[in-house]
PDB file of all heavy atoms in Angstrom:
ATOM      1  N   PHE A   1     121.042  49.163 255.211  1.00  0.00           N
ATOM      2  CA  PHE A   1     122.100  48.319 255.713  1.00  0.00           C
ATOM      3  C   PHE A   1     121.933  46.893 255.085  1.00  0.00           C
ATOM      4  O   PHE A   1     122.991  46.283 254.503  1.00  0.00           O
ATOM      5  CB  PHE A   1     122.091  48.052 257.240  1.00  0.00           C
ATOM      6  CG  PHE A   1     122.564  49.284 257.945  1.00  0.00           C
ATOM      7  CD1 PHE A   1     121.878  49.694 259.083  1.00  0.00           C
ATOM      8  CD2 PHE A   1     123.715  49.963 257.609  1.00  0.00           C
ATOM      9  CE1 PHE A   1     122.349  50.790 259.848  1.00  0.00           C
ATOM     10  CE2 PHE A   1     124.209  51.100 258.325  1.00  0.00           C
ATOM     11  CZ  PHE A   1     123.374  51.523 259.493  1.00  0.00           C
ATOM     12  N   ARG A   2     120.774  46.320 255.019  1.00  0.00           N
ATOM     13  CA  ARG A   2     120.589  44.997 254.436  1.00  0.00           C
ATOM     14  C   ARG A   2     120.936  44.881 253.022  1.00  0.00           C
ATOM     15  O   ARG A   2     121.580  44.030 252.365  1.00  0.00           O
ATOM     16  CB  ARG A   2     119.095  44.432 254.638  1.00  0.00           C
ATOM     17  CG  ARG A   2     118.792  43.211 253.969  1.00  0.00           C
ATOM     18  CD  ARG A   2     117.311  42.828 254.262  1.00  0.00           C
ATOM     19  NE  ARG A   2     116.335  43.802 254.009  1.00  0.00           N
ATOM     20  CZ  ARG A   2     115.935  44.219 252.817  1.00  0.00           C
ATOM     21  NH1 ARG A   2     116.346  43.594 251.818  1.00  0.00           N
ATOM     22  NH2 ARG A   2     114.940  45.125 252.667  1.00  0.00           N
ATOM     23  N   CYS A   3     120.512  46.031 252.170  1.00  0.00           N
ATOM     24  CA  CYS A   3     120.797  46.081 250.824  1.00  0.00           C
ATOM     25  C   CYS A   3     122.115  46.295 250.542  1.00  0.00           C
ATOM     26  O   CYS A   3     122.659  45.815 249.497  1.00  0.00           O
ATOM     27  CB  CYS A   3     119.865  47.153 250.214  1.00  0.00           C
ATOM     28  SG  CYS A   3     118.065  46.761 250.169  1.00  0.00           S
ATOM     29  N   VAL A   4     122.843  47.127 251.347  1.00  0.00           N
ATOM     30  CA  VAL A   4     124.409  47.242 251.188  1.00  0.00           C
ATOM     31  C   VAL A   4     124.977  45.884 251.363  1.00  0.00           C
ATOM     32  O   VAL A   4     125.894  45.470 250.516  1.00  0.00           O
ATOM     33  CB  VAL A   4     124.938  48.277 252.053  1.00  0.00           C
ATOM     34  CG1 VAL A   4     126.428  48.196 252.159  1.00  0.00           C
ATOM     35  CG2 VAL A   4     124.465  49.668 251.741  1.00  0.00           C
ATOM     36  N   ASP A   5     124.675  45.233 252.423  1.00  0.00           N
ATOM     37  CA  ASP A   5     125.292  43.985 252.720  1.00  0.00           C
ATOM     38  C   ASP A   5     125.034  42.869 251.692  1.00  0.00           C
ATOM     39  O   ASP A   5     125.957  41.981 251.483  1.00  0.00           O
ATOM     40  CB  ASP A   5     124.824  43.419 254.134  1.00  0.00           C
ATOM     41  CG  ASP A   5     125.493  44.315 255.224  1.00  0.00           C
ATOM     42  OD1 ASP A   5     126.461  44.983 255.089  1.00  0.00           O
ATOM     43  OD2 ASP A   5     125.122  44.068 256.436  1.00  0.00           O
ATOM     44  N   THR A   6     123.907  42.847 251.079  1.00  0.00           N
ATOM     45  CA  THR A   6     123.583  41.905 250.137  1.00  0.00           C
ATOM     46  C   THR A   6     123.755  42.259 248.624  1.00  0.00           C
ATOM     47  O   THR A   6     123.428  41.663 247.728  1.00  0.00           O
ATOM     48  CB  THR A   6     122.126  41.452 250.279  1.00  0.00           C
ATOM     49  OG1 THR A   6     121.276  42.490 250.136  1.00  0.00           O
ATOM     50  CG2 THR A   6     121.865  40.760 251.648  1.00  0.00           C
ATOM     51  N   ALA A   7     124.321  43.680 248.499  1.00  0.00           N
ATOM     52  CA  ALA A   7     124.481  44.206 247.280  1.00  0.00           C
ATOM     53  C   ALA A   7     123.216  44.145 246.421  1.00  0.00           C
ATOM     54  O   ALA A   7     123.178  43.920 245.153  1.00  0.00           O
ATOM     55  CB  ALA A   7     125.582  43.639 246.491  1.00  0.00           C
ATOM     56  N   ASN A   8     122.087  44.398 247.105  1.00  0.00           N
ATOM     57  CA  ASN A   8     120.749  44.499 246.438  1.00  0.00           C
ATOM     58  C   ASN A   8     120.598  45.877 245.825  1.00  0.00           C
ATOM     59  O   ASN A   8     119.918  46.802 246.402  1.00  0.00           O
ATOM     60  CB  ASN A   8     119.820  44.126 247.377  1.00  0.00           C
ATOM     61  CG  ASN A   8     118.297  43.962 246.662  1.00  0.00           C
ATOM     62  OD1 ASN A   8     118.172  44.600 245.551  1.00  0.00           O
ATOM     63  ND2 ASN A   8     117.333  43.283 247.391  1.00  0.00           N
ATOM     64  N   LEU A   9     121.140  46.020 244.588  1.00  0.00           N
ATOM     65  CA  LEU A   9     121.218  47.389 243.995  1.00  0.00           C
ATOM     66  C   LEU A   9     119.834  47.867 243.590  1.00  0.00           C
ATOM     67  O   LEU A   9     119.585  49.074 243.704  1.00  0.00           O
ATOM     68  CB  LEU A   9     122.201  47.513 242.951  1.00  0.00           C
ATOM     69  CG  LEU A   9     123.746  47.055 243.248  1.00  0.00           C
ATOM     70  CD1 LEU A   9     124.486  47.068 241.962  1.00  0.00           C
ATOM     71  CD2 LEU A   9     124.243  47.929 244.291  1.00  0.00           C
ATOM     72  N   ALA A  10     118.959  46.945 243.170  1.00  0.00           N
ATOM     73  CA  ALA A  10     117.676  47.406 242.613  1.00  0.00           C
ATOM     74  C   ALA A  10     116.870  47.956 243.869  1.00  0.00           C
ATOM     75  O   ALA A  10     116.263  49.087 243.675  1.00  0.00           O
ATOM     76  CB  ALA A  10     116.981  46.126 241.978  1.00  0.00           C
ATOM     77  N   GLU A  11     116.925  47.247 244.916  1.00  0.00           N
ATOM     78  CA  GLU A  11     116.114  47.785 246.117  1.00  0.00           C
ATOM     79  C   GLU A  11     116.937  48.971 246.576  1.00  0.00           C
ATOM     80  O   GLU A  11     116.201  50.113 247.089  1.00  0.00           O
ATOM     81  CB  GLU A  11     115.972  46.695 247.174  1.00  0.00           C
ATOM     82  CG  GLU A  11     114.986  47.166 248.277  1.00  0.00           C
ATOM     83  CD  GLU A  11     114.764  46.024 249.224  1.00  0.00           C
ATOM     84  OE1 GLU A  11     115.175  44.916 249.142  1.00  0.00           O
ATOM     85  OE2 GLU A  11     114.244  46.398 250.424  1.00  0.00           O
ATOM     86  N   LEU A  12     118.175  49.060 246.680  1.00  0.00           N
ATOM     87  CA  LEU A  12     118.911  50.119 247.318  1.00  0.00           C
ATOM     88  C   LEU A  12     118.714  51.420 246.525  1.00  0.00           C
ATOM     89  O   LEU A  12     118.655  52.452 247.130  1.00  0.00           O
ATOM     90  CB  LEU A  12     120.401  49.737 247.351  1.00  0.00           C
ATOM     91  CG  LEU A  12     121.308  50.716 248.060  1.00  0.00           C
ATOM     92  CD1 LEU A  12     120.913  50.781 249.594  1.00  0.00           C
ATOM     93  CD2 LEU A  12     122.689  50.056 247.994  1.00  0.00           C
ATOM     94  N   GLU A  13     118.615  51.325 245.242  1.00  0.00           N
ATOM     95  CA  GLU A  13     118.272  52.463 244.385  1.00  0.00           C
ATOM     96  C   GLU A  13     117.079  53.226 244.922  1.00  0.00           C
ATOM     97  O   GLU A  13     116.892  54.425 244.895  1.00  0.00           O
ATOM     98  CB  GLU A  13     118.238  52.132 242.933  1.00  0.00           C
ATOM     99  CG  GLU A  13     117.930  53.213 242.023  1.00  0.00           C
ATOM    100  CD  GLU A  13     118.015  52.857 240.486  1.00  0.00           C
ATOM    101  OE1 GLU A  13     118.008  51.602 240.280  1.00  0.00           O
ATOM    102  OE2 GLU A  13     118.046  53.720 239.732  1.00  0.00           O
ATOM    103  N   GLY A  14     115.830  52.404 245.318  1.00  0.00           N
ATOM    104  CA  GLY A  14     114.875  53.124 245.781  1.00  0.00           C
ATOM    105  C   GLY A  14     114.893  53.540 247.189  1.00  0.00           C
ATOM    106  O   GLY A  14     113.736  54.368 247.557  1.00  0.00           O
ATOM    107  N   LEU A  15     115.909  53.445 247.818  1.00  0.00           N
ATOM    108  CA  LEU A  15     115.966  53.916 249.217  1.00  0.00           C
ATOM    109  C   LEU A  15     116.688  55.197 249.344  1.00  0.00           C
ATOM    110  O   LEU A  15     116.660  55.846 250.498  1.00  0.00           O
ATOM    111  CB  LEU A  15     116.677  52.844 250.068  1.00  0.00           C
ATOM    112  CG  LEU A  15     116.059  51.509 250.166  1.00  0.00           C
ATOM    113  CD1 LEU A  15     116.895  50.482 250.962  1.00  0.00           C
ATOM    114  CD2 LEU A  15     114.555  51.561 250.626  1.00  0.00           C
ATOM    115  N   VAL A  16     117.488  55.555 248.319  1.00  0.00           N
ATOM    116  CA  VAL A  16     118.293  56.754 248.327  1.00  0.00           C
ATOM    117  C   VAL A  16     117.875  57.823 247.378  1.00  0.00           C
ATOM    118  O   VAL A  16     117.393  57.501 246.198  1.00  0.00           O
ATOM    119  CB  VAL A  16     119.794  56.432 248.144  1.00  0.00           C
ATOM    120  CG1 VAL A  16     120.365  55.554 249.372  1.00  0.00           C
ATOM    121  CG2 VAL A  16     120.144  55.838 246.975  1.00  0.00           C
ATOM    122  N   HIS A  17     117.875  59.116 247.670  1.00  0.00           N
ATOM    123  CA  HIS A  17     117.578  60.036 246.801  1.00  0.00           C
ATOM    124  C   HIS A  17     118.654  60.262 245.710  1.00  0.00           C
ATOM    125  O   HIS A  17     119.809  59.922 245.858  1.00  0.00           O
ATOM    126  CB  HIS A  17     117.514  61.403 247.652  1.00  0.00           C
ATOM    127  CG  HIS A  17     117.018  62.650 246.826  1.00  0.00           C
ATOM    128  ND1 HIS A  17     117.737  63.453 246.009  1.00  0.00           N
ATOM    129  CD2 HIS A  17     115.660  63.140 246.953  1.00  0.00           C
ATOM    130  CE1 HIS A  17     116.940  64.315 245.514  1.00  0.00           C
ATOM    131  NE2 HIS A  17     115.738  64.177 246.150  1.00  0.00           N
ATOM    132  N   PRO A  18     118.075  60.699 244.504  1.00  0.00           N
ATOM    133  CA  PRO A  18     119.057  60.840 243.405  1.00  0.00           C
ATOM    134  C   PRO A  18     120.273  61.608 243.664  1.00  0.00           C
ATOM    135  O   PRO A  18     121.374  61.407 243.167  1.00  0.00           O
ATOM    136  CB  PRO A  18     118.142  61.386 242.258  1.00  0.00           C
ATOM    137  CG  PRO A  18     116.819  60.875 242.575  1.00  0.00           C
ATOM    138  CD  PRO A  18     116.794  60.895 243.992  1.00  0.00           C
ATOM    139  N   ASP A  19     120.044  62.666 244.466  1.00  0.00           N
ATOM    140  CA  ASP A  19     121.193  63.640 244.840  1.00  0.00           C
ATOM    141  C   ASP A  19     121.790  63.144 246.159  1.00  0.00           C
ATOM    142  O   ASP A  19     122.458  64.077 246.829  1.00  0.00           O
ATOM    143  CB  ASP A  19     120.694  65.115 244.904  1.00  0.00           C
ATOM    144  CG  ASP A  19     120.069  65.486 243.585  1.00  0.00           C
ATOM    145  OD1 ASP A  19     120.763  65.071 242.467  1.00  0.00           O
ATOM    146  OD2 ASP A  19     119.164  66.260 243.637  1.00  0.00           O
ATOM    147  N   VAL A  20     121.791  62.040 246.580  1.00  0.00           N
ATOM    148  CA  VAL A  20     122.380  61.737 247.905  1.00  0.00           C
ATOM    149  C   VAL A  20     123.896  61.847 247.922  1.00  0.00           C
ATOM    150  O   VAL A  20     124.520  61.740 246.910  1.00  0.00           O
ATOM    151  CB  VAL A  20     122.083  60.149 248.149  1.00  0.00           C
ATOM    152  CG1 VAL A  20     122.720  59.251 247.138  1.00  0.00           C
ATOM    153  CG2 VAL A  20     122.453  59.720 249.631  1.00  0.00           C
ATOM    154  N   THR A  21     124.307  62.295 249.125  1.00  0.00           N
ATOM    155  CA  THR A  21     125.736  62.548 249.151  1.00  0.00           C
ATOM    156  C   THR A  21     126.153  61.521 250.438  1.00  0.00           C
ATOM    157  O   THR A  21     125.245  61.415 251.339  1.00  0.00           O
ATOM    158  CB  THR A  21     126.020  64.054 249.673  1.00  0.00           C
ATOM    159  OG1 THR A  21     125.245  64.353 250.799  1.00  0.00           O
ATOM    160  CG2 THR A  21     125.699  64.860 248.471  1.00  0.00           C
ATOM    161  N   THR A  22     127.286  60.934 250.398  1.00  0.00           N
ATOM    162  CA  THR A  22     127.745  60.041 251.366  1.00  0.00           C
ATOM    163  C   THR A  22     129.145  60.363 251.649  1.00  0.00           C
ATOM    164  O   THR A  22     129.897  60.630 250.753  1.00  0.00           O
ATOM    165  CB  THR A  22     127.534  58.581 250.978  1.00  0.00           C
ATOM    166  OG1 THR A  22     128.199  58.383 249.734  1.00  0.00           O
ATOM    167  CG2 THR A  22     125.934  58.218 250.803  1.00  0.00           C
ATOM    168  N   CYS A  23     129.531  59.975 252.884  1.00  0.00           N
ATOM    169  CA  CYS A  23     130.860  60.026 253.270  1.00  0.00           C
ATOM    170  C   CYS A  23     131.123  58.779 254.200  1.00  0.00           C
ATOM    171  O   CYS A  23     130.575  58.823 255.320  1.00  0.00           O
ATOM    172  CB  CYS A  23     131.334  61.409 253.926  1.00  0.00           C
ATOM    173  SG  CYS A  23     133.108  61.436 254.392  1.00  0.00           S
ATOM    174  N   TYR A  24     132.050  57.877 253.810  1.00  0.00           N
ATOM    175  CA  TYR A  24     132.382  56.775 254.659  1.00  0.00           C
ATOM    176  C   TYR A  24     133.837  56.919 254.959  1.00  0.00           C
ATOM    177  O   TYR A  24     134.696  57.047 254.001  1.00  0.00           O
ATOM    178  CB  TYR A  24     132.074  55.471 253.864  1.00  0.00           C
ATOM    179  CG  TYR A  24     130.728  55.342 253.410  1.00  0.00           C
ATOM    180  CD1 TYR A  24     130.410  55.554 252.093  1.00  0.00           C
ATOM    181  CD2 TYR A  24     129.673  55.098 254.414  1.00  0.00           C
ATOM    182  CE1 TYR A  24     129.114  55.374 251.589  1.00  0.00           C
ATOM    183  CE2 TYR A  24     128.390  55.065 254.009  1.00  0.00           C
ATOM    184  CZ  TYR A  24     128.048  55.174 252.657  1.00  0.00           C
ATOM    185  OH  TYR A  24     126.850  55.125 252.300  1.00  0.00           O
ATOM    186  N   VAL A  25     134.129  56.824 256.276  1.00  0.00           N
ATOM    187  CA  VAL A  25     135.475  56.850 256.836  1.00  0.00           C
ATOM    188  C   VAL A  25     135.846  55.577 257.509  1.00  0.00           C
ATOM    189  O   VAL A  25     135.216  55.056 258.387  1.00  0.00           O
ATOM    190  CB  VAL A  25     135.586  58.162 257.775  1.00  0.00           C
ATOM    191  CG1 VAL A  25     137.021  58.231 258.285  1.00  0.00           C
ATOM    192  CG2 VAL A  25     135.224  59.364 257.081  1.00  0.00           C
ATOM    193  N   GLY A  26     137.124  55.119 257.243  1.00  0.00           N
ATOM    194  CA  GLY A  26     137.589  53.912 257.816  1.00  0.00           C
ATOM    195  C   GLY A  26     139.016  54.026 258.256  1.00  0.00           C
ATOM    196  O   GLY A  26     139.476  55.285 258.104  1.00  0.00           O
ATOM    197  N   GLY A  27     139.698  53.122 258.740  1.00  0.00           N
ATOM    198  CA  GLY A  27     141.121  53.304 259.233  1.00  0.00           C
ATOM    199  C   GLY A  27     141.937  53.929 258.181  1.00  0.00           C
ATOM    200  O   GLY A  27     142.912  54.754 258.463  1.00  0.00           O
ATOM    201  N   SER A  28     141.833  53.534 256.956  1.00  0.00           N
ATOM    202  CA  SER A  28     142.819  53.916 255.908  1.00  0.00           C
ATOM    203  C   SER A  28     142.096  54.578 254.772  1.00  0.00           C
ATOM    204  O   SER A  28     142.746  54.801 253.645  1.00  0.00           O
ATOM    205  CB  SER A  28     143.594  52.772 255.318  1.00  0.00           C
ATOM    206  OG  SER A  28     142.815  51.710 254.821  1.00  0.00           O
ATOM    207  N   TYR A  29     140.804  54.853 254.757  1.00  0.00           N
ATOM    208  CA  TYR A  29     140.053  55.419 253.701  1.00  0.00           C
ATOM    209  C   TYR A  29     138.959  56.367 254.082  1.00  0.00           C
ATOM    210  O   TYR A  29     138.646  56.507 255.202  1.00  0.00           O
ATOM    211  CB  TYR A  29     139.437  54.138 252.826  1.00  0.00           C
ATOM    212  CG  TYR A  29     138.233  53.646 253.698  1.00  0.00           C
ATOM    213  CD1 TYR A  29     137.027  54.165 253.561  1.00  0.00           C
ATOM    214  CD2 TYR A  29     138.438  52.423 254.476  1.00  0.00           C
ATOM    215  CE1 TYR A  29     136.001  53.454 254.402  1.00  0.00           C
ATOM    216  CE2 TYR A  29     137.466  51.823 255.212  1.00  0.00           C
ATOM    217  CZ  TYR A  29     136.207  52.396 255.150  1.00  0.00           C
ATOM    218  OH  TYR A  29     135.239  51.946 255.840  1.00  0.00           O
ATOM    219  N   ARG A  30     138.810  57.125 252.984  1.00  0.00           N
ATOM    220  CA  ARG A  30     137.694  58.138 253.196  1.00  0.00           C
ATOM    221  C   ARG A  30     137.022  58.146 251.770  1.00  0.00           C
ATOM    222  O   ARG A  30     137.671  58.498 250.775  1.00  0.00           O
ATOM    223  CB  ARG A  30     138.169  59.507 253.559  1.00  0.00           C
ATOM    224  CG  ARG A  30     137.094  60.590 253.711  1.00  0.00           C
ATOM    225  CD  ARG A  30     137.550  61.962 253.918  1.00  0.00           C
ATOM    226  NE  ARG A  30     136.578  62.909 254.197  1.00  0.00           N
ATOM    227  CZ  ARG A  30     135.975  63.326 255.361  1.00  0.00           C
ATOM    228  NH1 ARG A  30     136.417  62.610 256.334  1.00  0.00           N
ATOM    229  NH2 ARG A  30     135.048  64.149 255.438  1.00  0.00           N
ATOM    230  N   ILE A  31     135.784  57.808 251.729  1.00  0.00           N
ATOM    231  CA  ILE A  31     135.084  57.765 250.293  1.00  0.00           C
ATOM    232  C   ILE A  31     133.895  58.862 250.367  1.00  0.00           C
ATOM    233  O   ILE A  31     132.960  58.594 251.226  1.00  0.00           O
ATOM    234  CB  ILE A  31     134.482  56.432 250.130  1.00  0.00           C
ATOM    235  CG1 ILE A  31     135.623  55.240 250.146  1.00  0.00           C
ATOM    236  CG2 ILE A  31     133.723  56.338 248.819  1.00  0.00           C
ATOM    237  CD1 ILE A  31     135.037  53.775 250.132  1.00  0.00           C
ATOM    238  N   GLU A  32     133.934  59.794 249.529  1.00  0.00           N
ATOM    239  CA  GLU A  32     132.872  60.772 249.426  1.00  0.00           C
ATOM    240  C   GLU A  32     132.235  60.668 248.031  1.00  0.00           C
ATOM    241  O   GLU A  32     132.920  60.568 246.944  1.00  0.00           O
ATOM    242  CB  GLU A  32     133.460  62.129 249.587  1.00  0.00           C
ATOM    243  CG  GLU A  32     134.000  62.334 250.996  1.00  0.00           C
ATOM    244  CD  GLU A  32     134.433  63.876 251.300  1.00  0.00           C
ATOM    245  OE1 GLU A  32     133.585  64.658 251.008  1.00  0.00           O
ATOM    246  OE2 GLU A  32     135.657  63.969 251.759  1.00  0.00           O
ATOM    247  N   LEU A  33     130.969  60.515 248.116  1.00  0.00           N
ATOM    248  CA  LEU A  33     130.085  60.382 246.960  1.00  0.00           C
ATOM    249  C   LEU A  33     129.068  61.380 246.760  1.00  0.00           C
ATOM    250  O   LEU A  33     128.559  61.787 247.725  1.00  0.00           O
ATOM    251  CB  LEU A  33     129.575  58.966 246.853  1.00  0.00           C
ATOM    252  CG  LEU A  33     130.671  57.769 247.132  1.00  0.00           C
ATOM    253  CD1 LEU A  33     129.866  56.502 247.413  1.00  0.00           C
ATOM    254  CD2 LEU A  33     131.500  57.592 245.995  1.00  0.00           C
TER     255      LEU A  33
END
């Protein structure tokens, strides 16, 4: 959460698996990666 909020991509890269899958849902959006 901290790395997302601060856009700390270098640290964030080390927190997620290379094959990570994500799905974010909001009021008007759905983002699947």
